[in-house]
Amino acid sequence: MNPDGVELQVPWDSLRVGYSVFIPCVDTEKAKTQAKALCAMRGWKVKVADRIERGCLGIRVWRMA
């Protein structure tokens, strides 16, 4: 993923059903689009939301199925 032009390494293979991952970024719309596309390629259902966690803007991706 590279929503802000910087490559981010997200541990997708570790994301089991019921787990979530926070992805820090400024361009949350682009991040949501990229995350949904990557998860769709894996056949996963996910919930994605804008978040501010510990003072940091980003998105959280929950794997639902």
PDB file of N, CA and C in Angstrom:
ATOM      1  N   MET A   1       0.830  -1.177   0.000  1.00  0.00           N
ATOM      2  CA  MET A   1       0.000   0.000   0.000  1.00  0.00           C
ATOM      3  C   MET A   1       0.878   1.246   0.000  1.00  0.00           C
ATOM      4  N   ASN A   2       0.387   2.268  -0.642  1.00  0.00           N
ATOM      5  CA  ASN A   2       1.120   3.543  -0.669  1.00  0.00           C
ATOM      6  C   ASN A   2       0.159   4.726  -0.763  1.00  0.00           C
ATOM      7  N   PRO A   3      -0.756   4.878   0.194  1.00  0.00           N
ATOM      8  CA  PRO A   3      -1.747   5.940   0.083  1.00  0.00           C
ATOM      9  C   PRO A   3      -1.170   7.355   0.117  1.00  0.00           C
ATOM     10  N   ASP A   4      -0.039   7.533   0.751  1.00  0.00           N
ATOM     11  CA  ASP A   4       0.577   8.866   0.836  1.00  0.00           C
ATOM     12  C   ASP A   4       1.857   8.959   0.021  1.00  0.00           C
ATOM     13  N   GLY A   5       2.081   7.979  -0.857  1.00  0.00           N
ATOM     14  CA  GLY A   5       3.275   7.980  -1.682  1.00  0.00           C
ATOM     15  C   GLY A   5       4.459   7.266  -1.051  1.00  0.00           C
ATOM     16  N   VAL A   6       4.281   6.743   0.158  1.00  0.00           N
ATOM     17  CA  VAL A   6       5.331   5.989   0.843  1.00  0.00           C
ATOM     18  C   VAL A   6       4.841   4.556   0.991  1.00  0.00           C
ATOM     19  N   GLU A   7       5.648   3.601   0.567  1.00  0.00           N
ATOM     20  CA  GLU A   7       5.259   2.186   0.623  1.00  0.00           C
ATOM     21  C   GLU A   7       5.121   1.728   2.073  1.00  0.00           C
ATOM     22  N   LEU A   8       3.959   1.154   2.395  1.00  0.00           N
ATOM     23  CA  LEU A   8       3.708   0.608   3.733  1.00  0.00           C
ATOM     24  C   LEU A   8       3.639  -0.908   3.643  1.00  0.00           C
ATOM     25  N   GLN A   9       4.316  -1.569   4.543  1.00  0.00           N
ATOM     26  CA  GLN A   9       4.270  -3.025   4.611  1.00  0.00           C
ATOM     27  C   GLN A   9       3.223  -3.420   5.645  1.00  0.00           C
ATOM     28  N   VAL A  10       2.132  -4.001   5.192  1.00  0.00           N
ATOM     29  CA  VAL A  10       1.048  -4.424   6.074  1.00  0.00           C
ATOM     30  C   VAL A  10       1.085  -5.948   6.160  1.00  0.00           C
ATOM     31  N   PRO A  11       1.057  -6.507   7.367  1.00  0.00           N
ATOM     32  CA  PRO A  11       1.144  -7.966   7.516  1.00  0.00           C
ATOM     33  C   PRO A  11      -0.185  -8.665   7.189  1.00  0.00           C
ATOM     34  N   TRP A  12      -0.599  -8.600   5.917  1.00  0.00           N
ATOM     35  CA  TRP A  12      -1.891  -9.163   5.524  1.00  0.00           C
ATOM     36  C   TRP A  12      -1.996 -10.647   5.844  1.00  0.00           C
ATOM     37  N   ASP A  13      -0.920 -11.402   5.699  1.00  0.00           N
ATOM     38  CA  ASP A  13      -0.970 -12.852   5.939  1.00  0.00           C
ATOM     39  C   ASP A  13      -1.261 -13.188   7.397  1.00  0.00           C
ATOM     40  N   SER A  14      -1.032 -12.263   8.304  1.00  0.00           N
ATOM     41  CA  SER A  14      -1.296 -12.478   9.730  1.00  0.00           C
ATOM     42  C   SER A  14      -2.711 -12.070  10.133  1.00  0.00           C
ATOM     43  N   LEU A  15      -3.454 -11.476   9.200  1.00  0.00           N
ATOM     44  CA  LEU A  15      -4.785 -10.953   9.519  1.00  0.00           C
ATOM     45  C   LEU A  15      -5.818 -12.078   9.434  1.00  0.00           C
ATOM     46  N   ARG A  16      -6.162 -12.638  10.586  1.00  0.00           N
ATOM     47  CA  ARG A  16      -7.152 -13.711  10.675  1.00  0.00           C
ATOM     48  C   ARG A  16      -8.548 -13.103  10.856  1.00  0.00           C
ATOM     49  N   VAL A  17      -9.583 -13.914  10.671  1.00  0.00           N
ATOM     50  CA  VAL A  17     -10.955 -13.455  10.878  1.00  0.00           C
ATOM     51  C   VAL A  17     -11.094 -12.971  12.317  1.00  0.00           C
ATOM     52  N   GLY A  18     -11.640 -11.772  12.475  1.00  0.00           N
ATOM     53  CA  GLY A  18     -11.804 -11.164  13.788  1.00  0.00           C
ATOM     54  C   GLY A  18     -10.662 -10.249  14.190  1.00  0.00           C
ATOM     55  N   TYR A  19      -9.552 -10.277  13.470  1.00  0.00           N
ATOM     56  CA  TYR A  19      -8.410  -9.411  13.749  1.00  0.00           C
ATOM     57  C   TYR A  19      -8.584  -8.088  13.017  1.00  0.00           C
ATOM     58  N   SER A  20      -7.809  -7.091  13.440  1.00  0.00           N
ATOM     59  CA  SER A  20      -7.802  -5.811  12.749  1.00  0.00           C
ATOM     60  C   SER A  20      -6.381  -5.266  12.706  1.00  0.00           C
ATOM     61  N   VAL A  21      -6.187  -4.303  11.815  1.00  0.00           N
ATOM     62  CA  VAL A  21      -4.884  -3.645  11.685  1.00  0.00           C
ATOM     63  C   VAL A  21      -5.127  -2.158  11.470  1.00  0.00           C
ATOM     64  N   PHE A  22      -4.310  -1.337  12.137  1.00  0.00           N
ATOM     65  CA  PHE A  22      -4.369   0.113  11.966  1.00  0.00           C
ATOM     66  C   PHE A  22      -3.300   0.503  10.962  1.00  0.00           C
ATOM     67  N   ILE A  23      -3.678   1.297   9.974  1.00  0.00           N
ATOM     68  CA  ILE A  23      -2.749   1.756   8.944  1.00  0.00           C
ATOM     69  C   ILE A  23      -2.683   3.282   9.025  1.00  0.00           C
ATOM     70  N   PRO A  24      -1.576   3.831   9.525  1.00  0.00           N
ATOM     71  CA  PRO A  24      -1.458   5.292   9.626  1.00  0.00           C
ATOM     72  C   PRO A  24      -1.284   5.919   8.246  1.00  0.00           C
ATOM     73  N   CYS A  25      -2.035   6.990   7.990  1.00  0.00           N
ATOM     74  CA  CYS A  25      -1.935   7.680   6.703  1.00  0.00           C
ATOM     75  C   CYS A  25      -2.696   9.000   6.782  1.00  0.00           C
ATOM     76  N   VAL A  26      -2.456   9.868   5.798  1.00  0.00           N
ATOM     77  CA  VAL A  26      -3.166  11.135   5.697  1.00  0.00           C
ATOM     78  C   VAL A  26      -4.306  11.004   4.681  1.00  0.00           C
ATOM     79  N   ASP A  27      -4.039  10.368   3.559  1.00  0.00           N
ATOM     80  CA  ASP A  27      -5.045  10.193   2.506  1.00  0.00           C
ATOM     81  C   ASP A  27      -5.865   8.936   2.809  1.00  0.00           C
ATOM     82  N   THR A  28      -6.832   9.083   3.708  1.00  0.00           N
ATOM     83  CA  THR A  28      -7.608   7.917   4.160  1.00  0.00           C
ATOM     84  C   THR A  28      -8.499   7.354   3.057  1.00  0.00           C
ATOM     85  N   GLU A  29      -8.989   8.189   2.156  1.00  0.00           N
ATOM     86  CA  GLU A  29      -9.841   7.685   1.067  1.00  0.00           C
ATOM     87  C   GLU A  29      -9.048   6.750   0.149  1.00  0.00           C
ATOM     88  N   LYS A  30      -7.839   7.149  -0.201  1.00  0.00           N
ATOM     89  CA  LYS A  30      -6.994   6.307  -1.050  1.00  0.00           C
ATOM     90  C   LYS A  30      -6.598   5.031  -0.302  1.00  0.00           C
ATOM     91  N   ALA A  31      -6.325   5.150   0.977  1.00  0.00           N
ATOM     92  CA  ALA A  31      -5.960   3.983   1.783  1.00  0.00           C
ATOM     93  C   ALA A  31      -7.113   2.989   1.855  1.00  0.00           C
ATOM     94  N   LYS A  32      -8.337   3.500   2.039  1.00  0.00           N
ATOM     95  CA  LYS A  32      -9.503   2.610   2.099  1.00  0.00           C
ATOM     96  C   LYS A  32      -9.691   1.882   0.772  1.00  0.00           C
ATOM     97  N   THR A  33      -9.545   2.604  -0.336  1.00  0.00           N
ATOM     98  CA  THR A  33      -9.674   1.993  -1.660  1.00  0.00           C
ATOM     99  C   THR A  33      -8.630   0.900  -1.861  1.00  0.00           C
ATOM    100  N   GLN A  34      -7.382   1.186  -1.504  1.00  0.00           N
ATOM    101  CA  GLN A  34      -6.309   0.203  -1.670  1.00  0.00           C
ATOM    102  C   GLN A  34      -6.514  -1.006  -0.773  1.00  0.00           C
ATOM    103  N   ALA A  35      -6.896  -0.775   0.481  1.00  0.00           N
ATOM    104  CA  ALA A  35      -7.094  -1.878   1.418  1.00  0.00           C
ATOM    105  C   ALA A  35      -8.242  -2.781   0.970  1.00  0.00           C
ATOM    106  N   LYS A  36      -9.342  -2.166   0.542  1.00  0.00           N
ATOM    107  CA  LYS A  36     -10.484  -2.962   0.077  1.00  0.00           C
ATOM    108  C   LYS A  36     -10.116  -3.789  -1.151  1.00  0.00           C
ATOM    109  N   ALA A  37      -9.352  -3.214  -2.069  1.00  0.00           N
ATOM    110  CA  ALA A  37      -8.938  -3.936  -3.273  1.00  0.00           C
ATOM    111  C   ALA A  37      -8.026  -5.107  -2.926  1.00  0.00           C
ATOM    112  N   LEU A  38      -7.063  -4.884  -2.029  1.00  0.00           N
ATOM    113  CA  LEU A  38      -6.154  -5.963  -1.634  1.00  0.00           C
ATOM    114  C   LEU A  38      -6.899  -7.094  -0.934  1.00  0.00           C
ATOM    115  N   CYS A  39      -7.856  -6.743  -0.092  1.00  0.00           N
ATOM    116  CA  CYS A  39      -8.627  -7.758   0.627  1.00  0.00           C
ATOM    117  C   CYS A  39      -9.578  -8.499  -0.306  1.00  0.00           C
ATOM    118  N   ALA A  40     -10.152  -7.793  -1.265  1.00  0.00           N
ATOM    119  CA  ALA A  40     -11.045  -8.427  -2.240  1.00  0.00           C
ATOM    120  C   ALA A  40     -10.283  -9.455  -3.077  1.00  0.00           C
ATOM    121  N   MET A  41      -9.022  -9.162  -3.406  1.00  0.00           N
ATOM    122  CA  MET A  41      -8.198 -10.118  -4.165  1.00  0.00           C
ATOM    123  C   MET A  41      -7.995 -11.405  -3.376  1.00  0.00           C
ATOM    124  N   ARG A  42      -8.026 -11.307  -2.053  1.00  0.00           N
ATOM    125  CA  ARG A  42      -7.867 -12.482  -1.200  1.00  0.00           C
ATOM    126  C   ARG A  42      -9.207 -13.154  -0.898  1.00  0.00           C
ATOM    127  N   GLY A  43     -10.301 -12.542  -1.343  1.00  0.00           N
ATOM    128  CA  GLY A  43     -11.623 -13.086  -1.099  1.00  0.00           C
ATOM    129  C   GLY A  43     -12.144 -12.826   0.303  1.00  0.00           C
ATOM    130  N   TRP A  44     -11.613 -11.802   0.965  1.00  0.00           N
ATOM    131  CA  TRP A  44     -12.003 -11.475   2.336  1.00  0.00           C
ATOM    132  C   TRP A  44     -13.112 -10.433   2.352  1.00  0.00           C
ATOM    133  N   LYS A  45     -13.965 -10.524   3.376  1.00  0.00           N
ATOM    134  CA  LYS A  45     -14.915  -9.456   3.670  1.00  0.00           C
ATOM    135  C   LYS A  45     -14.305  -8.644   4.798  1.00  0.00           C
ATOM    136  N   VAL A  46     -14.296  -7.330   4.636  1.00  0.00           N
ATOM    137  CA  VAL A  46     -13.679  -6.463   5.633  1.00  0.00           C
ATOM    138  C   VAL A  46     -14.564  -5.266   5.932  1.00  0.00           C
ATOM    139  N   LYS A  47     -14.325  -4.664   7.080  1.00  0.00           N
ATOM    140  CA  LYS A  47     -14.912  -3.376   7.441  1.00  0.00           C
ATOM    141  C   LYS A  47     -13.743  -2.417   7.553  1.00  0.00           C
ATOM    142  N   VAL A  48     -13.882  -1.239   6.974  1.00  0.00           N
ATOM    143  CA  VAL A  48     -12.804  -0.251   6.972  1.00  0.00           C
ATOM    144  C   VAL A  48     -13.370   1.081   7.448  1.00  0.00           C
ATOM    145  N   ALA A  49     -12.664   1.739   8.360  1.00  0.00           N
ATOM    146  CA  ALA A  49     -13.136   3.015   8.886  1.00  0.00           C
ATOM    147  C   ALA A  49     -11.976   3.973   9.140  1.00  0.00           C
ATOM    148  N   ASP A  50     -12.264   5.274   8.949  1.00  0.00           N
ATOM    149  CA  ASP A  50     -11.311   6.317   9.332  1.00  0.00           C
ATOM    150  C   ASP A  50     -11.189   6.305  10.847  1.00  0.00           C
ATOM    151  N   ARG A  51      -9.968   6.486  11.342  1.00  0.00           N
ATOM    152  CA  ARG A  51      -9.748   6.488  12.786  1.00  0.00           C
ATOM    153  C   ARG A  51      -8.658   7.479  13.146  1.00  0.00           C
ATOM    154  N   ILE A  52      -8.721   7.960  14.369  1.00  0.00           N
ATOM    155  CA  ILE A  52      -7.598   8.674  14.977  1.00  0.00           C
ATOM    156  C   ILE A  52      -7.266   7.871  16.218  1.00  0.00           C
ATOM    157  N   GLU A  53      -6.099   7.270  16.236  1.00  0.00           N
ATOM    158  CA  GLU A  53      -5.685   6.432  17.354  1.00  0.00           C
ATOM    159  C   GLU A  53      -4.342   6.924  17.872  1.00  0.00           C
ATOM    160  N   ARG A  54      -4.298   7.171  19.181  1.00  0.00           N
ATOM    161  CA  ARG A  54      -3.087   7.691  19.830  1.00  0.00           C
ATOM    162  C   ARG A  54      -2.570   8.936  19.126  1.00  0.00           C
ATOM    163  N   GLY A  55      -3.516   9.769  18.691  1.00  0.00           N
ATOM    164  CA  GLY A  55      -3.155  11.030  18.050  1.00  0.00           C
ATOM    165  C   GLY A  55      -2.718  10.905  16.605  1.00  0.00           C
ATOM    166  N   CYS A  56      -2.904   9.736  15.999  1.00  0.00           N
ATOM    167  CA  CYS A  56      -2.442   9.489  14.637  1.00  0.00           C
ATOM    168  C   CYS A  56      -3.637   9.196  13.726  1.00  0.00           C
ATOM    169  N   LEU A  57      -3.741   9.909  12.595  1.00  0.00           N
ATOM    170  CA  LEU A  57      -4.805   9.695  11.624  1.00  0.00           C
ATOM    171  C   LEU A  57      -4.483   8.472  10.779  1.00  0.00           C
ATOM    172  N   GLY A  58      -5.506   7.715  10.425  1.00  0.00           N
ATOM    173  CA  GLY A  58      -5.320   6.560   9.565  1.00  0.00           C
ATOM    174  C   GLY A  58      -6.625   5.818   9.373  1.00  0.00           C
ATOM    175  N   ILE A  59      -6.520   4.543   8.996  1.00  0.00           N
ATOM    176  CA  ILE A  59      -7.696   3.690   8.854  1.00  0.00           C
ATOM    177  C   ILE A  59      -7.478   2.426   9.667  1.00  0.00           C
ATOM    178  N   ARG A  60      -8.580   1.815  10.067  1.00  0.00           N
ATOM    179  CA  ARG A  60      -8.533   0.495  10.693  1.00  0.00           C
ATOM    180  C   ARG A  60      -9.295  -0.446   9.794  1.00  0.00           C
ATOM    181  N   VAL A  61      -8.693  -1.608   9.541  1.00  0.00           N
ATOM    182  CA  VAL A  61      -9.294  -2.648   8.699  1.00  0.00           C
ATOM    183  C   VAL A  61      -9.581  -3.854   9.592  1.00  0.00           C
ATOM    184  N   TRP A  62     -10.859  -4.242   9.657  1.00  0.00           N
ATOM    185  CA  TRP A  62     -11.266  -5.444  10.402  1.00  0.00           C
ATOM    186  C   TRP A  62     -11.588  -6.532   9.401  1.00  0.00           C
ATOM    187  N   ARG A  63     -11.020  -7.715   9.579  1.00  0.00           N
ATOM    188  CA  ARG A  63     -11.362  -8.845   8.720  1.00  0.00           C
ATOM    189  C   ARG A  63     -12.591  -9.529   9.304  1.00  0.00           C
ATOM    190  N   MET A  64     -13.673  -9.556   8.530  1.00  0.00           N
ATOM    191  CA  MET A  64     -14.936 -10.106   8.971  1.00  0.00           C
ATOM    192  C   MET A  64     -15.114 -11.563   8.539  1.00  0.00           C
ATOM    193  N   ALA A  65     -14.603 -11.926   7.386  1.00  0.00           N
ATOM    194  CA  ALA A  65     -14.721 -13.307   6.884  1.00  0.00           C
ATOM    195  C   ALA A  65     -13.665 -13.545   5.826  1.00  0.00           C
TER     196      ALA A  65
END
